[in-house]
Protein backbone atom coordinates (compact mmCIF):
# COMPACT_ATOMS: atom_id res chain seq x y z
CA MET A 1 -5.02 -43.07 48.85
CA SER A 2 -6.85 -40.18 47.74
CA SER A 3 -10.66 -40.26 46.74
CA ASN A 4 -9.82 -40.00 42.94
CA ASP A 5 -7.89 -42.80 43.66
CA ASP A 6 -10.00 -45.08 45.07
CA GLN A 7 -12.94 -43.99 42.41
CA ASN A 8 -10.20 -44.92 39.43
CA GLN A 9 -9.29 -48.15 40.94
CA LYS A 10 -12.77 -48.93 41.18
CA ARG A 11 -13.42 -48.07 37.47
CA SER A 12 -10.69 -50.14 35.86
CA ARG A 13 -11.09 -53.74 34.62
CA ASN A 14 -8.75 -56.12 33.41
CA ALA A 15 -8.80 -57.33 30.23
CA ILE A 16 -7.92 -60.58 28.87
CA TYR A 17 -7.51 -61.37 24.84
CA LEU A 18 -8.25 -64.85 23.71
CA ARG A 19 -7.15 -66.38 20.29
CA LEU A 20 -9.67 -68.56 19.27
CA SER A 21 -9.70 -70.89 16.07
CA GLN A 22 -12.39 -69.64 13.03
CA GLU A 23 -14.42 -72.85 14.21
CA GLN A 24 -14.65 -72.06 18.14
CA LEU A 25 -15.36 -67.89 16.99
CA LYS A 26 -18.18 -69.54 14.90
CA GLN A 27 -19.32 -71.78 17.93
CA LEU A 28 -19.39 -68.73 20.70
CA GLU A 29 -21.38 -66.51 17.97
CA GLN A 30 -23.70 -69.18 17.63
CA VAL A 31 -24.26 -69.25 21.06
CA CYS A 32 -24.69 -65.52 21.79
CA ARG A 33 -26.60 -64.43 18.49
CA GLY A 34 -30.07 -63.01 19.39
CA ASP A 35 -30.89 -62.59 23.29
CA GLY A 36 -27.65 -64.99 24.32
CA PRO A 37 -25.16 -63.83 26.45
CA LYS A 38 -22.60 -61.90 25.31
CA PRO A 39 -19.20 -63.66 24.75
CA GLN A 40 -17.81 -61.94 28.07
CA GLN A 41 -20.74 -62.70 30.02
CA LEU A 42 -20.65 -66.65 28.64
CA LEU A 43 -17.06 -66.83 29.28
CA LEU A 44 -17.02 -65.86 32.90
CA TRP A 45 -20.06 -68.48 33.43
CA GLY A 46 -17.90 -70.82 32.14
CA LEU A 47 -14.78 -69.64 34.50
CA HIS A 48 -17.82 -69.87 37.66
CA ALA A 49 -18.91 -73.07 36.53
CA HIS A 50 -15.30 -74.88 36.41
CA LEU A 51 -14.25 -73.01 39.65
CA ASN A 52 -17.63 -73.46 41.33
CA PRO A 53 -18.59 -77.10 40.08
CA ASN A 54 -21.66 -76.97 42.36
CA LEU A 55 -23.51 -73.78 41.06
CA VAL A 56 -25.91 -74.12 38.48
CA SER A 57 -26.21 -71.60 35.60
CA PHE A 58 -29.99 -70.34 34.17
CA ASP A 59 -30.95 -69.47 31.13
CA LYS A 60 -33.43 -66.64 30.64
CA THR A 61 -36.33 -69.00 30.87
CA ALA A 62 -35.82 -69.91 34.37
CA ALA A 63 -35.48 -66.64 35.46
CA GLN A 64 -38.70 -66.11 34.39
CA ILE A 65 -40.46 -68.98 35.95
CA LEU A 66 -38.69 -68.10 39.24
CA SER A 67 -39.91 -64.33 39.00
CA SER A 68 -43.29 -65.65 38.26
CA LEU A 69 -43.35 -68.29 41.16
CA ASN A 70 -42.04 -64.88 43.24
CA ARG A 71 -45.09 -62.89 42.24
CA ILE A 72 -47.63 -65.85 43.01
CA GLY A 73 -45.77 -66.02 46.49
CA ASN A 74 -46.65 -62.89 46.93
CA ASN A 75 -50.57 -63.30 46.05
CA VAL A 76 -50.53 -66.09 48.03
CA ASN A 77 -49.21 -63.82 50.70
CA GLN A 78 -51.72 -61.16 50.43
CA ILE A 79 -54.35 -64.23 50.62
CA ALA A 80 -53.24 -65.95 53.72
CA ARG A 81 -53.37 -62.32 55.36
CA ARG A 82 -56.59 -61.92 54.19
CA VAL A 83 -57.47 -65.40 55.41
CA ASN A 84 -55.70 -64.82 58.68
CA ALA A 85 -57.68 -61.47 59.27
CA GLY A 86 -60.79 -63.37 59.45
CA VAL A 87 -61.88 -61.74 55.63
CA SER A 88 -62.71 -65.38 54.36
CA ARG A 89 -63.87 -68.65 56.19
CA GLY A 90 -63.98 -72.32 55.40
CA TRP A 91 -61.09 -73.31 53.00
CA TYR A 92 -58.18 -73.34 55.08
CA HIS A 93 -57.40 -76.76 54.12
CA GLU A 94 -57.02 -76.11 50.57
CA PHE A 95 -55.46 -73.05 51.20
CA ASP A 96 -52.63 -74.80 53.18
CA GLN A 97 -52.29 -77.63 50.66
CA PHE A 98 -51.68 -74.86 48.13
CA VAL A 99 -49.26 -73.34 49.79
CA LYS A 100 -47.18 -76.09 50.88
CA GLU A 101 -47.10 -77.48 47.01
CA MET A 102 -46.16 -73.78 46.26
CA GLU A 103 -43.40 -73.61 48.82
CA GLU A 104 -41.82 -76.58 47.57
CA MET A 105 -42.16 -75.65 43.89
CA ARG A 106 -40.22 -72.81 45.11
CA ARG A 107 -37.27 -74.54 46.86
CA MET A 108 -36.84 -77.31 44.08
CA LEU A 109 -36.51 -74.42 41.33
CA GLY A 110 -34.38 -72.56 43.52
CA ALA A 111 -32.41 -75.35 44.52
CA ALA A 112 -31.93 -76.85 40.85
CA LEU A 113 -30.67 -73.06 39.93
CA GLY A 114 -28.38 -72.67 42.56
CA HIS A 115 -29.94 -69.98 44.54
CA CYS A 116 -30.47 -72.62 48.00
């Protein structure tokens, strides 16, 4: 098979056409309006949820929370490096407790979102 055939195969997609009642179409449009997912993405999520019931889907808010926690975790790591380098002294116990709480929050959110 030539490289052009490989590239064409990678680009091709399968199409599925659905017949929906007016009510079903209206419901789909309501869910997808505004900043909601595109209808195709919503249907794919539903398929994945059906095939993998243990996976948890999440919305933009949950993704933003996880992103914020990751940024906070990065900041904590930078602080930890400075503390370990001897820049600051005397507050290790409070810092350790904070780190443990942040790790637990990240673990719980990740588990709820299906990342762990």
